[in-house]
C-alpha atoms as a PDB file:
ATOM      1  CA  MET A   1      37.120  93.634 -40.430  1.00  0.00           C
ATOM      2  CA  LYS A   2      34.686  92.357 -43.085  1.00  0.00           C
ATOM      3  CA  MET A   3      37.586  90.680 -44.845  1.00  0.00           C
ATOM      4  CA  VAL A   4      38.649  88.843 -41.644  1.00  0.00           C
ATOM      5  CA  LEU A   5      35.066  87.787 -40.918  1.00  0.00           C
ATOM      6  CA  SER A   6      34.591  86.547 -44.512  1.00  0.00           C
ATOM      7  CA  PHE A   7      37.863  84.610 -44.357  1.00  0.00           C
ATOM      8  CA  TRP A   8      36.849  83.054 -41.001  1.00  0.00           C
ATOM      9  CA  LEU A   9      33.437  82.026 -42.397  1.00  0.00           C
ATOM     10  CA  LEU A  10      35.098  80.536 -45.468  1.00  0.00           C
ATOM     11  CA  LEU A  11      37.478  78.456 -43.322  1.00  0.00           C
ATOM     12  CA  ASN A  12      34.574  77.190 -41.164  1.00  0.00           C
ATOM     13  CA  PHE A  13      32.562  76.297 -44.254  1.00  0.00           C
ATOM     14  CA  ILE A  14      35.522  74.365 -45.705  1.00  0.00           C
ATOM     15  CA  ALA A  15      36.116  72.583 -42.386  1.00  0.00           C
ATOM     16  CA  LEU A  16      32.461  71.572 -42.082  1.00  0.00           C
ATOM     17  CA  SER A  17      32.101  70.459 -45.691  1.00  0.00           C
ATOM     18  CA  THR A  18      35.163  68.196 -45.618  1.00  0.00           C
ATOM     19  CA  GLY A  19      34.031  66.043 -42.688  1.00  0.00           C
ATOM     20  CA  GLN A  20      34.713  62.360 -42.281  1.00  0.00           C
ATOM     21  CA  THR A  21      33.166  60.380 -45.132  1.00  0.00           C
ATOM     22  CA  SER A  22      33.877  56.813 -43.985  1.00  0.00           C
ATOM     23  CA  ALA A  23      33.779  54.991 -40.677  1.00  0.00           C
ATOM     24  CA  ASP A  24      36.908  54.508 -38.628  1.00  0.00           C
ATOM     25  CA  PRO A  25      38.012  50.906 -39.407  1.00  0.00           C
ATOM     26  CA  GLN A  26      38.690  50.033 -35.751  1.00  0.00           C
ATOM     27  CA  ILE A  27      35.309  51.335 -34.613  1.00  0.00           C
ATOM     28  CA  LEU A  28      33.590  49.591 -37.522  1.00  0.00           C
ATOM     29  CA  ALA A  29      35.310  46.298 -36.612  1.00  0.00           C
ATOM     30  CA  GLU A  30      34.023  46.587 -33.033  1.00  0.00           C
ATOM     31  CA  VAL A  31      30.493  47.487 -34.162  1.00  0.00           C
ATOM     32  CA  ASN A  32      30.441  44.472 -36.503  1.00  0.00           C
ATOM     33  CA  LYS A  33      31.136  42.196 -33.513  1.00  0.00           C
ATOM     34  CA  ILE A  34      27.825  43.206 -31.947  1.00  0.00           C
ATOM     35  CA  LYS A  35      25.208  40.553 -32.595  1.00  0.00           C
ATOM     36  CA  ALA A  36      21.738  41.668 -33.589  1.00  0.00           C
ATOM     37  CA  VAL A  37      18.394  40.717 -32.042  1.00  0.00           C
ATOM     38  CA  ASP A  38      15.539  39.966 -34.442  1.00  0.00           C
ATOM     39  CA  ASN A  39      12.522  40.548 -32.224  1.00  0.00           C
ATOM     40  CA  HIS A  40       9.784  40.082 -34.824  1.00  0.00           C
ATOM     41  CA  THR A  41      10.053  37.385 -37.442  1.00  0.00           C
ATOM     42  CA  HIS A  42       7.465  35.165 -39.123  1.00  0.00           C
ATOM     43  CA  VAL A  43       9.668  32.128 -39.608  1.00  0.00           C
ATOM     44  CA  GLN A  44       8.295  28.597 -39.703  1.00  0.00           C
ATOM     45  CA  LYS A  45       9.790  25.909 -37.483  1.00  0.00           C
ATOM     46  CA  VAL A  46      11.831  23.009 -38.842  1.00  0.00           C
ATOM     47  CA  VAL A  47       9.405  20.142 -39.431  1.00  0.00           C
ATOM     48  CA  ALA A  48       9.656  16.443 -40.207  1.00  0.00           C
ATOM     49  CA  ALA A  49       8.872  15.136 -43.694  1.00  0.00           C
ATOM     50  CA  ASN A  50       5.101  14.772 -43.189  1.00  0.00           C
ATOM     51  CA  GLU A  51       4.644  17.407 -40.484  1.00  0.00           C
ATOM     52  CA  ARG A  52       3.128  20.877 -41.002  1.00  0.00           C
ATOM     53  CA  ASP A  53       3.639  24.064 -39.014  1.00  0.00           C
ATOM     54  CA  GLU A  54       0.142  25.475 -38.483  1.00  0.00           C
ATOM     55  CA  GLU A  55       1.084  28.017 -35.791  1.00  0.00           C
ATOM     56  CA  PHE A  56       3.849  29.923 -37.535  1.00  0.00           C
ATOM     57  CA  ASP A  57       2.131  33.285 -37.417  1.00  0.00           C
ATOM     58  CA  ALA A  58       0.031  34.982 -34.782  1.00  0.00           C
ATOM     59  CA  LEU A  59      -1.441  37.219 -37.486  1.00  0.00           C
ATOM     60  CA  PRO A  60      -2.745  35.156 -40.401  1.00  0.00           C
ATOM     61  CA  CYS A  61      -2.663  37.250 -43.548  1.00  0.00           C
ATOM     62  CA  ASP A  62      -5.455  35.425 -45.387  1.00  0.00           C
ATOM     63  CA  PRO A  63      -8.214  37.894 -44.421  1.00  0.00           C
ATOM     64  CA  LEU A  64      -6.119  40.967 -45.285  1.00  0.00           C
ATOM     65  CA  GLU A  65      -6.531  42.845 -48.545  1.00  0.00           C
ATOM     66  CA  ALA A  66      -3.882  42.260 -51.181  1.00  0.00           C
ATOM     67  CA  SER A  67      -1.135  44.874 -51.204  1.00  0.00           C
ATOM     68  CA  ASP A  68       2.174  45.529 -52.915  1.00  0.00           C
ATOM     69  CA  VAL A  69       5.133  43.525 -51.728  1.00  0.00           C
ATOM     70  CA  PRO A  70       7.410  45.746 -49.588  1.00  0.00           C
ATOM     71  CA  SER A  71      10.549  46.802 -51.477  1.00  0.00           C
ATOM     72  CA  MET A  72      12.848  44.854 -49.120  1.00  0.00           C
ATOM     73  CA  ALA A  73      10.941  41.618 -49.868  1.00  0.00           C
ATOM     74  CA  ARG A  74      10.907  41.983 -53.644  1.00  0.00           C
ATOM     75  CA  PRO A  75      12.973  39.447 -55.587  1.00  0.00           C
ATOM     76  CA  GLU A  76      14.974  42.173 -57.357  1.00  0.00           C
ATOM     77  CA  ASN A  77      16.341  43.485 -54.033  1.00  0.00           C
ATOM     78  CA  PRO A  78      20.179  43.227 -54.316  1.00  0.00           C
ATOM     79  CA  LYS A  79      20.351  42.228 -50.632  1.00  0.00           C
ATOM     80  CA  PHE A  80      19.141  38.757 -51.646  1.00  0.00           C
ATOM     81  CA  LEU A  81      22.206  38.230 -53.840  1.00  0.00           C
ATOM     82  CA  GLN A  82      24.442  39.354 -50.961  1.00  0.00           C
ATOM     83  CA  ALA A  83      22.699  36.998 -48.533  1.00  0.00           C
ATOM     84  CA  TRP A  84      22.889  34.072 -50.969  1.00  0.00           C
ATOM     85  CA  GLU A  85      26.599  34.715 -51.441  1.00  0.00           C
ATOM     86  CA  LYS A  86      27.242  34.820 -47.697  1.00  0.00           C
ATOM     87  CA  LEU A  87      25.089  31.823 -46.820  1.00  0.00           C
ATOM     88  CA  TYR A  88      25.574  29.498 -49.782  1.00  0.00           C
ATOM     89  CA  ALA A  89      28.609  30.836 -51.716  1.00  0.00           C
ATOM     90  CA  TYR A  90      26.359  32.004 -54.590  1.00  0.00           C
ATOM     91  CA  LYS A  91      28.835  33.130 -57.248  1.00  0.00           C
ATOM     92  CA  TYR A  92      26.529  34.879 -59.691  1.00  0.00           C
ATOM     93  CA  ASN A  93      25.298  38.437 -59.970  1.00  0.00           C
ATOM     94  CA  ASP A  94      21.927  37.473 -61.422  1.00  0.00           C
ATOM     95  CA  ARG A  95      18.829  35.370 -60.845  1.00  0.00           C
ATOM     96  CA  ASP A  96      19.092  33.129 -63.845  1.00  0.00           C
ATOM     97  CA  PRO A  97      16.803  30.099 -63.264  1.00  0.00           C
ATOM     98  CA  SER A  98      19.666  27.612 -63.635  1.00  0.00           C
ATOM     99  CA  HIS A  99      21.722  29.587 -61.109  1.00  0.00           C
ATOM    100  CA  VAL A 100      18.792  29.721 -58.680  1.00  0.00           C
ATOM    101  CA  ARG A 101      18.344  25.931 -59.007  1.00  0.00           C
ATOM    102  CA  GLU A 102      22.028  25.572 -58.121  1.00  0.00           C
ATOM    103  CA  LEU A 103      21.445  27.877 -55.127  1.00  0.00           C
ATOM    104  CA  LEU A 104      18.453  25.851 -53.927  1.00  0.00           C
ATOM    105  CA  GLU A 105      20.501  22.660 -54.127  1.00  0.00           C
ATOM    106  CA  ALA A 106      23.301  24.294 -52.095  1.00  0.00           C
ATOM    107  CA  LYS A 107      20.721  25.401 -49.520  1.00  0.00           C
ATOM    108  CA  ARG A 108      19.237  21.898 -49.378  1.00  0.00           C
ATOM    109  CA  GLN A 109      22.691  20.401 -48.782  1.00  0.00           C
ATOM    110  CA  VAL A 110      23.511  22.861 -45.999  1.00  0.00           C
ATOM    111  CA  ALA A 111      20.110  22.280 -44.386  1.00  0.00           C
ATOM    112  CA  GLN A 112      20.675  18.529 -44.553  1.00  0.00           C
ATOM    113  CA  GLN A 113      24.175  18.843 -43.050  1.00  0.00           C
ATOM    114  CA  GLN A 114      22.951  21.105 -40.249  1.00  0.00           C
ATOM    115  CA  GLY A 115      19.765  19.141 -39.532  1.00  0.00           C
ATOM    116  CA  ASP A 116      17.737  20.619 -36.651  1.00  0.00           C
ATOM    117  CA  LYS A 117      20.486  23.198 -36.118  1.00  0.00           C
ATOM    118  CA  PHE A 118      19.957  24.767 -39.558  1.00  0.00           C
ATOM    119  CA  PRO A 119      18.012  27.811 -38.252  1.00  0.00           C
ATOM    120  CA  THR A 120      20.717  28.443 -35.636  1.00  0.00           C
ATOM    121  CA  TRP A 121      23.398  28.119 -38.313  1.00  0.00           C
ATOM    122  CA  VAL A 122      21.631  30.729 -40.468  1.00  0.00           C
ATOM    123  CA  LEU A 123      21.378  33.126 -37.508  1.00  0.00           C
ATOM    124  CA  ASP A 124      25.087  32.650 -36.751  1.00  0.00           C
ATOM    125  CA  GLN A 125      25.990  33.409 -40.373  1.00  0.00           C
ATOM    126  CA  LEU A 126      23.912  36.609 -40.230  1.00  0.00           C
ATOM    127  CA  ASN A 127      25.366  37.640 -36.842  1.00  0.00           C
ATOM    128  CA  ILE A 128      21.960  37.453 -35.140  1.00  0.00           C
ATOM    129  CA  ASP A 129      22.143  36.408 -31.498  1.00  0.00           C
ATOM    130  CA  TYR A 130      18.436  35.932 -30.761  1.00  0.00           C
ATOM    131  CA  MET A 131      15.339  35.577 -32.905  1.00  0.00           C
ATOM    132  CA  LEU A 132      11.828  35.885 -31.541  1.00  0.00           C
ATOM    133  CA  ALA A 133       9.198  34.491 -33.876  1.00  0.00           C
ATOM    134  CA  ASN A 134       5.718  35.985 -34.063  1.00  0.00           C
ATOM    135  CA  ARG A 135       3.994  32.674 -33.325  1.00  0.00           C
ATOM    136  CA  VAL A 136       0.592  31.775 -31.933  1.00  0.00           C
ATOM    137  CA  ASP A 137       2.258  30.045 -28.963  1.00  0.00           C
ATOM    138  CA  LYS A 138       4.641  32.599 -27.472  1.00  0.00           C
ATOM    139  CA  THR A 139       6.703  30.317 -25.236  1.00  0.00           C
ATOM    140  CA  VAL A 140      10.453  30.751 -24.806  1.00  0.00           C
ATOM    141  CA  PHE A 141      12.841  28.598 -22.802  1.00  0.00           C
ATOM    142  CA  VAL A 142      15.935  30.349 -21.454  1.00  0.00           C
ATOM    143  CA  ARG A 143      18.893  28.059 -20.751  1.00  0.00           C
ATOM    144  CA  SER A 144      21.198  29.242 -18.009  1.00  0.00           C
ATOM    145  CA  ASP A 145      23.769  27.738 -15.682  1.00  0.00           C
ATOM    146  CA  ALA A 146      25.769  28.748 -12.611  1.00  0.00           C
ATOM    147  CA  ARG A 147      28.076  30.962 -14.711  1.00  0.00           C
ATOM    148  CA  ALA A 148      25.242  33.311 -15.694  1.00  0.00           C
ATOM    149  CA  ARG A 149      24.903  36.495 -13.718  1.00  0.00           C
ATOM    150  CA  TYR A 150      21.479  36.943 -12.192  1.00  0.00           C
ATOM    151  CA  GLU A 151      21.161  40.460 -13.655  1.00  0.00           C
ATOM    152  CA  ARG A 152      21.693  39.156 -17.206  1.00  0.00           C
ATOM    153  CA  VAL A 153      18.994  36.511 -16.807  1.00  0.00           C
ATOM    154  CA  VAL A 154      16.591  39.166 -15.447  1.00  0.00           C
ATOM    155  CA  ASP A 155      17.431  41.415 -18.442  1.00  0.00           C
ATOM    156  CA  VAL A 156      16.680  38.567 -20.862  1.00  0.00           C
ATOM    157  CA  VAL A 157      13.354  37.809 -19.147  1.00  0.00           C
ATOM    158  CA  ASP A 158      12.424  41.525 -19.135  1.00  0.00           C
ATOM    159  CA  ASN A 159      13.239  41.828 -22.854  1.00  0.00           C
ATOM    160  CA  LEU A 160      11.203  38.727 -23.659  1.00  0.00           C
ATOM    161  CA  ARG A 161       8.213  40.130 -21.772  1.00  0.00           C
ATOM    162  CA  ALA A 162       8.595  43.481 -23.578  1.00  0.00           C
ATOM    163  CA  ALA A 163       8.616  41.603 -26.906  1.00  0.00           C
ATOM    164  CA  GLY A 164       5.259  40.000 -26.083  1.00  0.00           C
ATOM    165  CA  VAL A 165       6.373  36.533 -24.955  1.00  0.00           C
ATOM    166  CA  ASP A 166       3.554  34.979 -22.914  1.00  0.00           C
ATOM    167  CA  ASN A 167       5.308  32.012 -21.287  1.00  0.00           C
ATOM    168  CA  ILE A 168       8.937  31.870 -20.192  1.00  0.00           C
ATOM    169  CA  GLY A 169      10.584  28.711 -18.938  1.00  0.00           C
ATOM    170  CA  LEU A 170      13.975  28.735 -17.224  1.00  0.00           C
ATOM    171  CA  LEU A 171      16.187  25.724 -17.929  1.00  0.00           C
ATOM    172  CA  THR A 172      19.021  25.201 -15.452  1.00  0.00           C
ATOM    173  CA  GLU A 173      21.638  22.569 -14.783  1.00  0.00           C
ATOM    174  CA  GLN A 174      20.384  19.446 -13.106  1.00  0.00           C
ATOM    175  CA  ILE A 175      21.969  19.030  -9.693  1.00  0.00           C
ATOM    176  CA  GLN A 176      22.797  15.383  -9.163  1.00  0.00           C
ATOM    177  CA  ASP A 177      22.952  13.734  -5.766  1.00  0.00           C
ATOM    178  CA  LYS A 178      26.409  12.238  -5.069  1.00  0.00           C
ATOM    179  CA  ASN A 179      24.684   9.007  -4.008  1.00  0.00           C
ATOM    180  CA  THR A 180      22.837   8.659  -7.337  1.00  0.00           C
ATOM    181  CA  PRO A 181      24.025   5.604  -9.304  1.00  0.00           C
ATOM    182  CA  GLY A 182      25.946   6.591 -12.424  1.00  0.00           C
ATOM    183  CA  ASN A 183      27.316   9.834 -10.926  1.00  0.00           C
ATOM    184  CA  LEU A 184      30.794  10.260 -12.405  1.00  0.00           C
ATOM    185  CA  SER A 185      32.051  12.395  -9.508  1.00  0.00           C
ATOM    186  CA  GLN A 186      32.217   9.392  -7.107  1.00  0.00           C
END
């Protein structure tokens, strides 16, 4: 009996220790389609040449004591190289100053090509659907049209409120009168 019990325990141990070590590719592909929500960022807005963004952060850090840079924000974090490769086709595995200058020029060119849509382009590249900035003025405009389900709009508004958004504006389609000059449906 002890021999049977020992054998059974051994088989269970082997079965448990040889579990799945990698994700199922089909499940992983579906998970990677899910866009993320960044609900707390300190990004500055896109500004004109002589304009400054003075309200980019609801918590100014000037009065805080100096502290170590978090490990994720340190320049030696390998995630930066991965992000640079994905965003700007950075082809190096280092931070050589000449390579970084090349990177900054590539970023400048992409930003120039994208114009005001540059932040949206970056979010699309990173698979981020929404980004809520931690700004002094917490106003968000939600654009919706007749195709949107009411429940989805309510969910968005509820999530914005939960994230601390103070003012929410709803942008809808403009309904034009058929008698209005310039209406193409006449």
